[in-house]
Amino acid sequence: QVQLVESGGGLVQAGGSLRLACAASGRTISNYDMAWFRQAPGEQRELVASARRAGAPTYADSVRGRFTISRDTAKNTVYLQMNNLKPEDTAVYYCAADEYGNGRYDAWGQGTQVTVSS
């Protein structure tokens, strides 16, 4: 099973940028579809962006054009570049891995807090 550790969260002003990183260990991310989710207080967890083993990345409507997901196989790391951040982007961000490509993400990181001030 792959282990995932997120980093890069923090406090930023609206309009600012952050880059989250998800370092994988135990197995190579080449064997997984990877994604970033987020969960705000009192809200359901939502899929923010996904980068499957094949095909183009996908994004939630709320972040398309502002966020970019990327995979670095050499570093076994997945990134989420977040630009033009908004207060509504405030949430805990989680990295997740799907081994079988069925949309059931079965490996999760511990999460990293992103707070955007207005």
PDB file of N, CA and C in Angstrom:
ATOM      1  N   GLN A   1       0.855  -1.193   0.000  1.00  0.00           N
ATOM      2  CA  GLN A   1       0.000   0.000   0.000  1.00  0.00           C
ATOM      3  C   GLN A   1       0.894   1.247   0.000  1.00  0.00           C
ATOM      4  N   VAL A   2       0.481   2.230  -0.731  1.00  0.00           N
ATOM      5  CA  VAL A   2       1.240   3.473  -0.788  1.00  0.00           C
ATOM      6  C   VAL A   2       0.921   4.324   0.429  1.00  0.00           C
ATOM      7  N   GLN A   3       1.921   5.038   0.924  1.00  0.00           N
ATOM      8  CA  GLN A   3       1.723   6.010   2.000  1.00  0.00           C
ATOM      9  C   GLN A   3       1.882   7.412   1.421  1.00  0.00           C
ATOM     10  N   LEU A   4       1.035   8.327   1.894  1.00  0.00           N
ATOM     11  CA  LEU A   4       0.991   9.678   1.342  1.00  0.00           C
ATOM     12  C   LEU A   4       1.172  10.705   2.457  1.00  0.00           C
ATOM     13  N   VAL A   5       1.993  11.708   2.199  1.00  0.00           N
ATOM     14  CA  VAL A   5       2.215  12.778   3.165  1.00  0.00           C
ATOM     15  C   VAL A   5       2.132  14.116   2.444  1.00  0.00           C
ATOM     16  N   GLU A   6       1.166  14.945   2.861  1.00  0.00           N
ATOM     17  CA  GLU A   6       0.990  16.261   2.252  1.00  0.00           C
ATOM     18  C   GLU A   6       1.815  17.313   2.973  1.00  0.00           C
ATOM     19  N   SER A   7       2.156  18.354   2.261  1.00  0.00           N
ATOM     20  CA  SER A   7       2.837  19.512   2.827  1.00  0.00           C
ATOM     21  C   SER A   7       2.524  20.725   1.981  1.00  0.00           C
ATOM     22  N   GLY A   8       2.860  21.904   2.509  1.00  0.00           N
ATOM     23  CA  GLY A   8       2.724  23.123   1.733  1.00  0.00           C
ATOM     24  C   GLY A   8       1.549  23.999   2.087  1.00  0.00           C
ATOM     25  N   GLY A   9       0.700  23.543   2.990  1.00  0.00           N
ATOM     26  CA  GLY A   9      -0.417  24.369   3.392  1.00  0.00           C
ATOM     27  C   GLY A   9       0.039  25.559   4.221  1.00  0.00           C
ATOM     28  N   GLY A  10      -0.899  26.463   4.488  1.00  0.00           N
ATOM     29  CA  GLY A  10      -0.571  27.624   5.289  1.00  0.00           C
ATOM     30  C   GLY A  10      -1.627  28.695   5.179  1.00  0.00           C
ATOM     31  N   LEU A  11      -1.274  29.879   5.651  1.00  0.00           N
ATOM     32  CA  LEU A  11      -2.154  31.046   5.628  1.00  0.00           C
ATOM     33  C   LEU A  11      -1.687  31.980   4.524  1.00  0.00           C
ATOM     34  N   VAL A  12      -2.620  32.388   3.686  1.00  0.00           N
ATOM     35  CA  VAL A  12      -2.294  33.272   2.573  1.00  0.00           C
ATOM     36  C   VAL A  12      -3.438  34.254   2.382  1.00  0.00           C
ATOM     37  N   GLN A  13      -3.118  35.430   1.869  1.00  0.00           N
ATOM     38  CA  GLN A  13      -4.151  36.419   1.581  1.00  0.00           C
ATOM     39  C   GLN A  13      -4.853  36.085   0.265  1.00  0.00           C
ATOM     40  N   ALA A  14      -6.063  36.539   0.154  1.00  0.00           N
ATOM     41  CA  ALA A  14      -6.811  36.344  -1.093  1.00  0.00           C
ATOM     42  C   ALA A  14      -6.003  36.902  -2.262  1.00  0.00           C
ATOM     43  N   GLY A  15      -6.008  36.145  -3.344  1.00  0.00           N
ATOM     44  CA  GLY A  15      -5.223  36.506  -4.513  1.00  0.00           C
ATOM     45  C   GLY A  15      -3.834  35.895  -4.534  1.00  0.00           C
ATOM     46  N   GLY A  16      -3.432  35.325  -3.427  1.00  0.00           N
ATOM     47  CA  GLY A  16      -2.114  34.712  -3.333  1.00  0.00           C
ATOM     48  C   GLY A  16      -2.065  33.297  -3.876  1.00  0.00           C
ATOM     49  N   SER A  17      -0.904  32.681  -3.732  1.00  0.00           N
ATOM     50  CA  SER A  17      -0.676  31.347  -4.271  1.00  0.00           C
ATOM     51  C   SER A  17      -0.046  30.436  -3.220  1.00  0.00           C
ATOM     52  N   LEU A  18      -0.308  29.159  -3.371  1.00  0.00           N
ATOM     53  CA  LEU A  18       0.350  28.126  -2.594  1.00  0.00           C
ATOM     54  C   LEU A  18       0.569  26.918  -3.500  1.00  0.00           C
ATOM     55  N   ARG A  19       1.593  26.147  -3.183  1.00  0.00           N
ATOM     56  CA  ARG A  19       1.786  24.872  -3.874  1.00  0.00           C
ATOM     57  C   ARG A  19       1.821  23.766  -2.836  1.00  0.00           C
ATOM     58  N   LEU A  20       0.865  22.858  -2.966  1.00  0.00           N
ATOM     59  CA  LEU A  20       0.830  21.695  -2.097  1.00  0.00           C
ATOM     60  C   LEU A  20       1.612  20.552  -2.734  1.00  0.00           C
ATOM     61  N   ALA A  21       2.241  19.766  -1.900  1.00  0.00           N
ATOM     62  CA  ALA A  21       2.969  18.589  -2.367  1.00  0.00           C
ATOM     63  C   ALA A  21       2.462  17.355  -1.633  1.00  0.00           C
ATOM     64  N   CYS A  22       2.414  16.253  -2.334  1.00  0.00           N
ATOM     65  CA  CYS A  22       2.012  14.967  -1.773  1.00  0.00           C
ATOM     66  C   CYS A  22       3.121  13.965  -2.077  1.00  0.00           C
ATOM     67  N   ALA A  23       3.924  13.663  -1.081  1.00  0.00           N
ATOM     68  CA  ALA A  23       5.035  12.734  -1.254  1.00  0.00           C
ATOM     69  C   ALA A  23       4.556  11.314  -0.985  1.00  0.00           C
ATOM     70  N   ALA A  24       4.766  10.445  -1.947  1.00  0.00           N
ATOM     71  CA  ALA A  24       4.350   9.054  -1.827  1.00  0.00           C
ATOM     72  C   ALA A  24       5.549   8.178  -1.488  1.00  0.00           C
ATOM     73  N   SER A  25       5.280   7.121  -0.733  1.00  0.00           N
ATOM     74  CA  SER A  25       6.308   6.136  -0.411  1.00  0.00           C
ATOM     75  C   SER A  25       5.680   4.749  -0.357  1.00  0.00           C
ATOM     76  N   GLY A  26       6.509   3.754  -0.495  1.00  0.00           N
ATOM     77  CA  GLY A  26       6.029   2.379  -0.460  1.00  0.00           C
ATOM     78  C   GLY A  26       5.758   1.801  -1.834  1.00  0.00           C
ATOM     79  N   ARG A  27       5.204   2.602  -2.708  1.00  0.00           N
ATOM     80  CA  ARG A  27       4.947   2.196  -4.090  1.00  0.00           C
ATOM     81  C   ARG A  27       5.036   3.431  -4.965  1.00  0.00           C
ATOM     82  N   THR A  28       5.252   3.222  -6.233  1.00  0.00           N
ATOM     83  CA  THR A  28       5.348   4.341  -7.161  1.00  0.00           C
ATOM     84  C   THR A  28       3.975   4.845  -7.559  1.00  0.00           C
ATOM     85  N   ILE A  29       3.873   6.157  -7.704  1.00  0.00           N
ATOM     86  CA  ILE A  29       2.583   6.728  -8.102  1.00  0.00           C
ATOM     87  C   ILE A  29       2.202   6.341  -9.525  1.00  0.00           C
ATOM     88  N   SER A  30       3.138   5.784 -10.284  1.00  0.00           N
ATOM     89  CA  SER A  30       2.811   5.321 -11.639  1.00  0.00           C
ATOM     90  C   SER A  30       1.715   4.268 -11.613  1.00  0.00           C
ATOM     91  N   ASN A  31       1.558   3.606 -10.477  1.00  0.00           N
ATOM     92  CA  ASN A  31       0.556   2.547 -10.351  1.00  0.00           C
ATOM     93  C   ASN A  31      -0.802   3.054  -9.894  1.00  0.00           C
ATOM     94  N   TYR A  32      -0.951   4.389  -9.773  1.00  0.00           N
ATOM     95  CA  TYR A  32      -2.162   4.938  -9.178  1.00  0.00           C
ATOM     96  C   TYR A  32      -2.712   6.116  -9.981  1.00  0.00           C
ATOM     97  N   ASP A  33      -4.028   6.244  -9.945  1.00  0.00           N
ATOM     98  CA  ASP A  33      -4.653   7.522 -10.232  1.00  0.00           C
ATOM     99  C   ASP A  33      -4.532   8.347  -8.962  1.00  0.00           C
ATOM    100  N   MET A  34      -4.190   9.626  -9.115  1.00  0.00           N
ATOM    101  CA  MET A  34      -3.970  10.484  -7.958  1.00  0.00           C
ATOM    102  C   MET A  34      -4.942  11.659  -7.985  1.00  0.00           C
ATOM    103  N   ALA A  35      -5.254  12.163  -6.791  1.00  0.00           N
ATOM    104  CA  ALA A  35      -6.211  13.265  -6.723  1.00  0.00           C
ATOM    105  C   ALA A  35      -5.981  14.092  -5.465  1.00  0.00           C
ATOM    106  N   TRP A  36      -6.509  15.297  -5.512  1.00  0.00           N
ATOM    107  CA  TRP A  36      -6.593  16.171  -4.344  1.00  0.00           C
ATOM    108  C   TRP A  36      -8.064  16.399  -4.024  1.00  0.00           C
ATOM    109  N   PHE A  37      -8.388  16.240  -2.749  1.00  0.00           N
ATOM    110  CA  PHE A  37      -9.708  16.535  -2.224  1.00  0.00           C
ATOM    111  C   PHE A  37      -9.554  17.659  -1.201  1.00  0.00           C
ATOM    112  N   ARG A  38     -10.676  18.247  -0.826  1.00  0.00           N
ATOM    113  CA  ARG A  38     -10.652  19.210   0.271  1.00  0.00           C
ATOM    114  C   ARG A  38     -11.952  19.100   1.059  1.00  0.00           C
ATOM    115  N   GLN A  39     -11.857  19.509   2.319  1.00  0.00           N
ATOM    116  CA  GLN A  39     -13.031  19.502   3.177  1.00  0.00           C
ATOM    117  C   GLN A  39     -12.980  20.725   4.081  1.00  0.00           C
ATOM    118  N   ALA A  40     -13.998  21.562   3.949  1.00  0.00           N
ATOM    119  CA  ALA A  40     -14.143  22.739   4.797  1.00  0.00           C
ATOM    120  C   ALA A  40     -15.004  22.374   5.998  1.00  0.00           C
ATOM    121  N   PRO A  41     -14.892  23.128   7.083  1.00  0.00           N
ATOM    122  CA  PRO A  41     -15.695  22.834   8.278  1.00  0.00           C
ATOM    123  C   PRO A  41     -17.192  22.809   7.953  1.00  0.00           C
ATOM    124  N   GLY A  42     -17.849  21.747   8.384  1.00  0.00           N
ATOM    125  CA  GLY A  42     -19.277  21.631   8.158  1.00  0.00           C
ATOM    126  C   GLY A  42     -19.680  21.261   6.752  1.00  0.00           C
ATOM    127  N   GLU A  43     -18.697  21.011   5.899  1.00  0.00           N
ATOM    128  CA  GLU A  43     -18.982  20.681   4.507  1.00  0.00           C
ATOM    129  C   GLU A  43     -18.556  19.254   4.198  1.00  0.00           C
ATOM    130  N   GLN A  44     -19.102  18.730   3.114  1.00  0.00           N
ATOM    131  CA  GLN A  44     -18.666  17.411   2.647  1.00  0.00           C
ATOM    132  C   GLN A  44     -17.332  17.528   1.923  1.00  0.00           C
ATOM    133  N   ARG A  45     -16.605  16.462   1.946  1.00  0.00           N
ATOM    134  CA  ARG A  45     -15.354  16.415   1.200  1.00  0.00           C
ATOM    135  C   ARG A  45     -15.657  16.477  -0.290  1.00  0.00           C
ATOM    136  N   GLU A  46     -14.863  17.255  -1.016  1.00  0.00           N
ATOM    137  CA  GLU A  46     -15.084  17.379  -2.454  1.00  0.00           C
ATOM    138  C   GLU A  46     -13.797  17.127  -3.219  1.00  0.00           C
ATOM    139  N   LEU A  47     -13.968  16.583  -4.412  1.00  0.00           N
ATOM    140  CA  LEU A  47     -12.836  16.348  -5.300  1.00  0.00           C
ATOM    141  C   LEU A  47     -12.446  17.664  -5.953  1.00  0.00           C
ATOM    142  N   VAL A  48     -11.197  18.035  -5.807  1.00  0.00           N
ATOM    143  CA  VAL A  48     -10.696  19.291  -6.354  1.00  0.00           C
ATOM    144  C   VAL A  48     -10.062  19.075  -7.729  1.00  0.00           C
ATOM    145  N   ALA A  49      -9.195  18.081  -7.818  1.00  0.00           N
ATOM    146  CA  ALA A  49      -8.478  17.828  -9.069  1.00  0.00           C
ATOM    147  C   ALA A  49      -8.001  16.388  -9.075  1.00  0.00           C
ATOM    148  N   SER A  50      -7.952  15.802 -10.256  1.00  0.00           N
ATOM    149  CA  SER A  50      -7.449  14.438 -10.382  1.00  0.00           C
ATOM    150  C   SER A  50      -6.491  14.344 -11.551  1.00  0.00           C
ATOM    151  N   ALA A  51      -5.478  13.513 -11.383  1.00  0.00           N
ATOM    152  CA  ALA A  51      -4.501  13.249 -12.430  1.00  0.00           C
ATOM    153  C   ALA A  51      -4.391  11.734 -12.544  1.00  0.00           C
ATOM    154  N   ARG A  52      -5.073  11.186 -13.533  1.00  0.00           N
ATOM    155  CA  ARG A  52      -5.081   9.736 -13.708  1.00  0.00           C
ATOM    156  C   ARG A  52      -3.802   9.303 -14.412  1.00  0.00           C
ATOM    157  N   ARG A  53      -3.598   7.999 -14.448  1.00  0.00           N
ATOM    158  CA  ARG A  53      -2.396   7.465 -15.077  1.00  0.00           C
ATOM    159  C   ARG A  53      -2.365   7.810 -16.559  1.00  0.00           C
ATOM    160  N   ALA A  54      -3.535   7.942 -17.160  1.00  0.00           N
ATOM    161  CA  ALA A  54      -3.616   8.320 -18.568  1.00  0.00           C
ATOM    162  C   ALA A  54      -4.726   9.338 -18.724  1.00  0.00           C
ATOM    163  N   GLY A  55      -4.581  10.223 -19.694  1.00  0.00           N
ATOM    164  CA  GLY A  55      -5.611  11.206 -19.939  1.00  0.00           C
ATOM    165  C   GLY A  55      -5.306  12.534 -19.286  1.00  0.00           C
ATOM    166  N   ALA A  56      -6.113  13.508 -19.605  1.00  0.00           N
ATOM    167  CA  ALA A  56      -5.911  14.858 -19.116  1.00  0.00           C
ATOM    168  C   ALA A  56      -6.397  14.991 -17.671  1.00  0.00           C
ATOM    169  N   PRO A  57      -5.811  15.901 -16.910  1.00  0.00           N
ATOM    170  CA  PRO A  57      -6.308  16.153 -15.561  1.00  0.00           C
ATOM    171  C   PRO A  57      -7.736  16.682 -15.596  1.00  0.00           C
ATOM    172  N   THR A  58      -8.438  16.503 -14.499  1.00  0.00           N
ATOM    173  CA  THR A  58      -9.779  17.055 -14.381  1.00  0.00           C
ATOM    174  C   THR A  58      -9.845  17.940 -13.142  1.00  0.00           C
ATOM    175  N   TYR A  59     -10.751  18.903 -13.177  1.00  0.00           N
ATOM    176  CA  TYR A  59     -10.854  19.887 -12.105  1.00  0.00           C
ATOM    177  C   TYR A  59     -12.313  20.149 -11.750  1.00  0.00           C
ATOM    178  N   ALA A  60     -12.527  20.485 -10.488  1.00  0.00           N
ATOM    179  CA  ALA A  60     -13.830  20.984 -10.084  1.00  0.00           C
ATOM    180  C   ALA A  60     -14.056  22.335 -10.754  1.00  0.00           C
ATOM    181  N   ASP A  61     -15.306  22.632 -11.040  1.00  0.00           N
ATOM    182  CA  ASP A  61     -15.624  23.906 -11.695  1.00  0.00           C
ATOM    183  C   ASP A  61     -15.118  25.097 -10.876  1.00  0.00           C
ATOM    184  N   SER A  62     -15.152  24.960  -9.559  1.00  0.00           N
ATOM    185  CA  SER A  62     -14.802  26.074  -8.685  1.00  0.00           C
ATOM    186  C   SER A  62     -13.317  26.424  -8.720  1.00  0.00           C
ATOM    187  N   VAL A  63     -12.473  25.519  -9.228  1.00  0.00           N
ATOM    188  CA  VAL A  63     -11.036  25.785  -9.223  1.00  0.00           C
ATOM    189  C   VAL A  63     -10.429  25.783 -10.621  1.00  0.00           C
ATOM    190  N   ARG A  64     -11.198  25.401 -11.609  1.00  0.00           N
ATOM    191  CA  ARG A  64     -10.652  25.315 -12.971  1.00  0.00           C
ATOM    192  C   ARG A  64     -10.136  26.673 -13.411  1.00  0.00           C
ATOM    193  N   GLY A  65      -8.924  26.678 -13.962  1.00  0.00           N
ATOM    194  CA  GLY A  65      -8.293  27.918 -14.396  1.00  0.00           C
ATOM    195  C   GLY A  65      -7.440  28.565 -13.326  1.00  0.00           C
ATOM    196  N   ARG A  66      -7.577  28.101 -12.090  1.00  0.00           N
ATOM    197  CA  ARG A  66      -6.777  28.647 -10.982  1.00  0.00           C
ATOM    198  C   ARG A  66      -5.825  27.603 -10.399  1.00  0.00           C
ATOM    199  N   PHE A  67      -6.242  26.349 -10.385  1.00  0.00           N
ATOM    200  CA  PHE A  67      -5.441  25.271  -9.794  1.00  0.00           C
ATOM    201  C   PHE A  67      -4.894  24.382 -10.907  1.00  0.00           C
ATOM    202  N   THR A  68      -3.707  23.827 -10.646  1.00  0.00           N
ATOM    203  CA  THR A  68      -3.096  22.889 -11.583  1.00  0.00           C
ATOM    204  C   THR A  68      -2.531  21.706 -10.815  1.00  0.00           C
ATOM    205  N   ILE A  69      -2.939  20.503 -11.216  1.00  0.00           N
ATOM    206  CA  ILE A  69      -2.404  19.278 -10.614  1.00  0.00           C
ATOM    207  C   ILE A  69      -1.322  18.729 -11.540  1.00  0.00           C
ATOM    208  N   SER A  70      -0.270  18.202 -10.948  1.00  0.00           N
ATOM    209  CA  SER A  70       0.796  17.611 -11.747  1.00  0.00           C
ATOM    210  C   SER A  70       1.405  16.435 -11.000  1.00  0.00           C
ATOM    211  N   ARG A  71       2.011  15.537 -11.778  1.00  0.00           N
ATOM    212  CA  ARG A  71       2.653  14.345 -11.232  1.00  0.00           C
ATOM    213  C   ARG A  71       4.123  14.380 -11.610  1.00  0.00           C
ATOM    214  N   ASP A  72       4.984  14.120 -10.638  1.00  0.00           N
ATOM    215  CA  ASP A  72       6.414  13.999 -10.898  1.00  0.00           C
ATOM    216  C   ASP A  72       6.814  12.586 -10.492  1.00  0.00           C
ATOM    217  N   THR A  73       6.887  11.718 -11.491  1.00  0.00           N
ATOM    218  CA  THR A  73       7.171  10.311 -11.208  1.00  0.00           C
ATOM    219  C   THR A  73       8.575  10.136 -10.634  1.00  0.00           C
ATOM    220  N   ALA A  74       9.520  10.933 -11.108  1.00  0.00           N
ATOM    221  CA  ALA A  74      10.902  10.820 -10.630  1.00  0.00           C
ATOM    222  C   ALA A  74      10.990  11.105  -9.131  1.00  0.00           C
ATOM    223  N   LYS A  75      10.173  12.045  -8.659  1.00  0.00           N
ATOM    224  CA  LYS A  75      10.159  12.384  -7.241  1.00  0.00           C
ATOM    225  C   LYS A  75       9.062  11.655  -6.478  1.00  0.00           C
ATOM    226  N   ASN A  76       8.259  10.880  -7.214  1.00  0.00           N
ATOM    227  CA  ASN A  76       7.136  10.154  -6.600  1.00  0.00           C
ATOM    228  C   ASN A  76       6.241  11.097  -5.806  1.00  0.00           C
ATOM    229  N   THR A  77       5.944  12.234  -6.419  1.00  0.00           N
ATOM    230  CA  THR A  77       5.225  13.306  -5.746  1.00  0.00           C
ATOM    231  C   THR A  77       4.168  13.889  -6.681  1.00  0.00           C
ATOM    232  N   VAL A  78       3.057  14.260  -6.077  1.00  0.00           N
ATOM    233  CA  VAL A  78       1.983  14.940  -6.802  1.00  0.00           C
ATOM    234  C   VAL A  78       1.857  16.345  -6.218  1.00  0.00           C
ATOM    235  N   TYR A  79       1.641  17.304  -7.087  1.00  0.00           N
ATOM    236  CA  TYR A  79       1.549  18.695  -6.669  1.00  0.00           C
ATOM    237  C   TYR A  79       0.175  19.280  -6.995  1.00  0.00           C
ATOM    238  N   LEU A  80      -0.181  20.295  -6.235  1.00  0.00           N
ATOM    239  CA  LEU A  80      -1.354  21.101  -6.558  1.00  0.00           C
ATOM    240  C   LEU A  80      -0.932  22.560  -6.449  1.00  0.00           C
ATOM    241  N   GLN A  81      -0.781  23.194  -7.601  1.00  0.00           N
ATOM    242  CA  GLN A  81      -0.463  24.616  -7.648  1.00  0.00           C
ATOM    243  C   GLN A  81      -1.770  25.385  -7.585  1.00  0.00           C
ATOM    244  N   MET A  82      -1.888  26.252  -6.604  1.00  0.00           N
ATOM    245  CA  MET A  82      -3.128  26.997  -6.387  1.00  0.00           C
ATOM    246  C   MET A  82      -2.831  28.486  -6.516  1.00  0.00           C
ATOM    247  N   ASN A  83      -3.429  29.113  -7.511  1.00  0.00           N
ATOM    248  CA  ASN A  83      -3.243  30.539  -7.766  1.00  0.00           C
ATOM    249  C   ASN A  83      -4.547  31.292  -7.561  1.00  0.00           C
ATOM    250  N   ASN A  84      -4.430  32.596  -7.388  1.00  0.00           N
ATOM    251  CA  ASN A  84      -5.616  33.445  -7.202  1.00  0.00           C
ATOM    252  C   ASN A  84      -6.559  32.840  -6.158  1.00  0.00           C
ATOM    253  N   LEU A  85      -6.000  32.538  -5.012  1.00  0.00           N
ATOM    254  CA  LEU A  85      -6.790  31.886  -3.965  1.00  0.00           C
ATOM    255  C   LEU A  85      -7.871  32.803  -3.437  1.00  0.00           C
ATOM    256  N   LYS A  86      -8.979  32.177  -3.052  1.00  0.00           N
ATOM    257  CA  LYS A  86     -10.147  32.881  -2.539  1.00  0.00           C
ATOM    258  C   LYS A  86     -10.458  32.373  -1.131  1.00  0.00           C
ATOM    259  N   PRO A  87     -11.132  33.188  -0.318  1.00  0.00           N
ATOM    260  CA  PRO A  87     -11.489  32.713   1.030  1.00  0.00           C
ATOM    261  C   PRO A  87     -12.263  31.399   1.007  1.00  0.00           C
ATOM    262  N   GLU A  88     -13.057  31.185  -0.019  1.00  0.00           N
ATOM    263  CA  GLU A  88     -13.834  29.939  -0.094  1.00  0.00           C
ATOM    264  C   GLU A  88     -12.976  28.721  -0.414  1.00  0.00           C
ATOM    265  N   ASP A  89     -11.696  28.924  -0.691  1.00  0.00           N
ATOM    266  CA  ASP A  89     -10.779  27.793  -0.869  1.00  0.00           C
ATOM    267  C   ASP A  89     -10.255  27.275   0.476  1.00  0.00           C
ATOM    268  N   THR A  90     -10.590  27.966   1.561  1.00  0.00           N
ATOM    269  CA  THR A  90     -10.141  27.538   2.882  1.00  0.00           C
ATOM    270  C   THR A  90     -10.697  26.160   3.216  1.00  0.00           C
ATOM    271  N   ALA A  91      -9.798  25.234   3.554  1.00  0.00           N
ATOM    272  CA  ALA A  91     -10.189  23.843   3.821  1.00  0.00           C
ATOM    273  C   ALA A  91      -8.947  23.055   4.204  1.00  0.00           C
ATOM    274  N   VAL A  92      -9.183  21.843   4.660  1.00  0.00           N
ATOM    275  CA  VAL A  92      -8.098  20.870   4.764  1.00  0.00           C
ATOM    276  C   VAL A  92      -8.016  20.141   3.427  1.00  0.00           C
ATOM    277  N   TYR A  93      -6.835  20.094   2.874  1.00  0.00           N
ATOM    278  CA  TYR A  93      -6.615  19.469   1.574  1.00  0.00           C
ATOM    279  C   TYR A  93      -5.959  18.106   1.779  1.00  0.00           C
ATOM    280  N   TYR A  94      -6.524  17.109   1.100  1.00  0.00           N
ATOM    281  CA  TYR A  94      -6.054  15.733   1.225  1.00  0.00           C
ATOM    282  C   TYR A  94      -5.603  15.199  -0.129  1.00  0.00           C
ATOM    283  N   CYS A  95      -4.516  14.481  -0.119  1.00  0.00           N
ATOM    284  CA  CYS A  95      -4.056  13.747  -1.288  1.00  0.00           C
ATOM    285  C   CYS A  95      -4.605  12.323  -1.189  1.00  0.00           C
ATOM    286  N   ALA A  96      -4.949  11.734  -2.333  1.00  0.00           N
ATOM    287  CA  ALA A  96      -5.509  10.385  -2.338  1.00  0.00           C
ATOM    288  C   ALA A  96      -5.045   9.614  -3.564  1.00  0.00           C
ATOM    289  N   ALA A  97      -5.014   8.290  -3.421  1.00  0.00           N
ATOM    290  CA  ALA A  97      -4.558   7.413  -4.493  1.00  0.00           C
ATOM    291  C   ALA A  97      -5.572   6.315  -4.744  1.00  0.00           C
ATOM    292  N   ASP A  98      -5.775   6.014  -6.021  1.00  0.00           N
ATOM    293  CA  ASP A  98      -6.722   4.987  -6.465  1.00  0.00           C
ATOM    294  C   ASP A  98      -5.938   3.978  -7.291  1.00  0.00           C
ATOM    295  N   GLU A  99      -5.760   2.787  -6.736  1.00  0.00           N
ATOM    296  CA  GLU A  99      -4.925   1.787  -7.416  1.00  0.00           C
ATOM    297  C   GLU A  99      -5.630   1.158  -8.608  1.00  0.00           C
ATOM    298  N   TYR A 100      -6.938   0.974  -8.525  1.00  0.00           N
ATOM    299  CA  TYR A 100      -7.647   0.176  -9.522  1.00  0.00           C
ATOM    300  C   TYR A 100      -8.362   1.020 -10.565  1.00  0.00           C
ATOM    301  N   GLY A 101      -8.268   2.335 -10.438  1.00  0.00           N
ATOM    302  CA  GLY A 101      -8.872   3.192 -11.444  1.00  0.00           C
ATOM    303  C   GLY A 101     -10.382   3.160 -11.455  1.00  0.00           C
ATOM    304  N   ASN A 102     -10.986   2.850 -10.311  1.00  0.00           N
ATOM    305  CA  ASN A 102     -12.439   2.755 -10.240  1.00  0.00           C
ATOM    306  C   ASN A 102     -13.072   3.914  -9.489  1.00  0.00           C
ATOM    307  N   GLY A 103     -12.279   4.930  -9.201  1.00  0.00           N
ATOM    308  CA  GLY A 103     -12.814   6.083  -8.493  1.00  0.00           C
ATOM    309  C   GLY A 103     -12.905   5.897  -7.000  1.00  0.00           C
ATOM    310  N   ARG A 104     -12.464   4.765  -6.510  1.00  0.00           N
ATOM    311  CA  ARG A 104     -12.468   4.516  -5.060  1.00  0.00           C
ATOM    312  C   ARG A 104     -11.062   4.753  -4.544  1.00  0.00           C
ATOM    313  N   TYR A 105     -10.867   5.925  -3.996  1.00  0.00           N
ATOM    314  CA  TYR A 105      -9.545   6.285  -3.492  1.00  0.00           C
ATOM    315  C   TYR A 105      -9.340   5.602  -2.153  1.00  0.00           C
ATOM    316  N   ASP A 106      -8.379   4.708  -2.090  1.00  0.00           N
ATOM    317  CA  ASP A 106      -8.240   3.873  -0.906  1.00  0.00           C
ATOM    318  C   ASP A 106      -6.969   4.138  -0.117  1.00  0.00           C
ATOM    319  N   ALA A 107      -6.204   5.144  -0.515  1.00  0.00           N
ATOM    320  CA  ALA A 107      -5.058   5.567   0.272  1.00  0.00           C
ATOM    321  C   ALA A 107      -5.138   7.079   0.418  1.00  0.00           C
ATOM    322  N   TRP A 108      -4.965   7.560   1.640  1.00  0.00           N
ATOM    323  CA  TRP A 108      -5.147   8.974   1.936  1.00  0.00           C
ATOM    324  C   TRP A 108      -3.996   9.486   2.785  1.00  0.00           C
ATOM    325  N   GLY A 109      -3.674  10.762   2.583  1.00  0.00           N
ATOM    326  CA  GLY A 109      -2.744  11.425   3.468  1.00  0.00           C
ATOM    327  C   GLY A 109      -3.466  11.981   4.683  1.00  0.00           C
ATOM    328  N   GLN A 110      -2.713  12.633   5.545  1.00  0.00           N
ATOM    329  CA  GLN A 110      -3.281  13.151   6.788  1.00  0.00           C
ATOM    330  C   GLN A 110      -3.922  14.522   6.617  1.00  0.00           C
ATOM    331  N   GLY A 111      -3.645  15.170   5.493  1.00  0.00           N
ATOM    332  CA  GLY A 111      -4.245  16.471   5.219  1.00  0.00           C
ATOM    333  C   GLY A 111      -3.329  17.623   5.579  1.00  0.00           C
ATOM    334  N   THR A 112      -3.529  18.736   4.891  1.00  0.00           N
ATOM    335  CA  THR A 112      -2.798  19.966   5.185  1.00  0.00           C
ATOM    336  C   THR A 112      -3.776  21.135   5.115  1.00  0.00           C
ATOM    337  N   GLN A 113      -3.703  22.013   6.094  1.00  0.00           N
ATOM    338  CA  GLN A 113      -4.657  23.116   6.209  1.00  0.00           C
ATOM    339  C   GLN A 113      -4.263  24.261   5.289  1.00  0.00           C
ATOM    340  N   VAL A 114      -5.235  24.745   4.541  1.00  0.00           N
ATOM    341  CA  VAL A 114      -5.073  25.948   3.733  1.00  0.00           C
ATOM    342  C   VAL A 114      -6.093  26.965   4.221  1.00  0.00           C
ATOM    343  N   THR A 115      -5.624  28.142   4.598  1.00  0.00           N
ATOM    344  CA  THR A 115      -6.496  29.204   5.066  1.00  0.00           C
ATOM    345  C   THR A 115      -6.239  30.454   4.227  1.00  0.00           C
ATOM    346  N   VAL A 116      -7.298  30.968   3.628  1.00  0.00           N
ATOM    347  CA  VAL A 116      -7.195  32.154   2.779  1.00  0.00           C
ATOM    348  C   VAL A 116      -7.950  33.286   3.456  1.00  0.00           C
ATOM    349  N   SER A 117      -7.246  34.341   3.779  1.00  0.00           N
ATOM    350  CA  SER A 117      -7.869  35.493   4.435  1.00  0.00           C
ATOM    351  C   SER A 117      -8.314  36.519   3.406  1.00  0.00           C
ATOM    352  N   SER A 118      -9.377  37.217   3.739  1.00  0.00           N
ATOM    353  CA  SER A 118      -9.927  38.212   2.804  1.00  0.00           C
ATOM    354  C   SER A 118      -9.306  39.576   3.038  1.00  0.00           C
TER     355      SER A 118
END
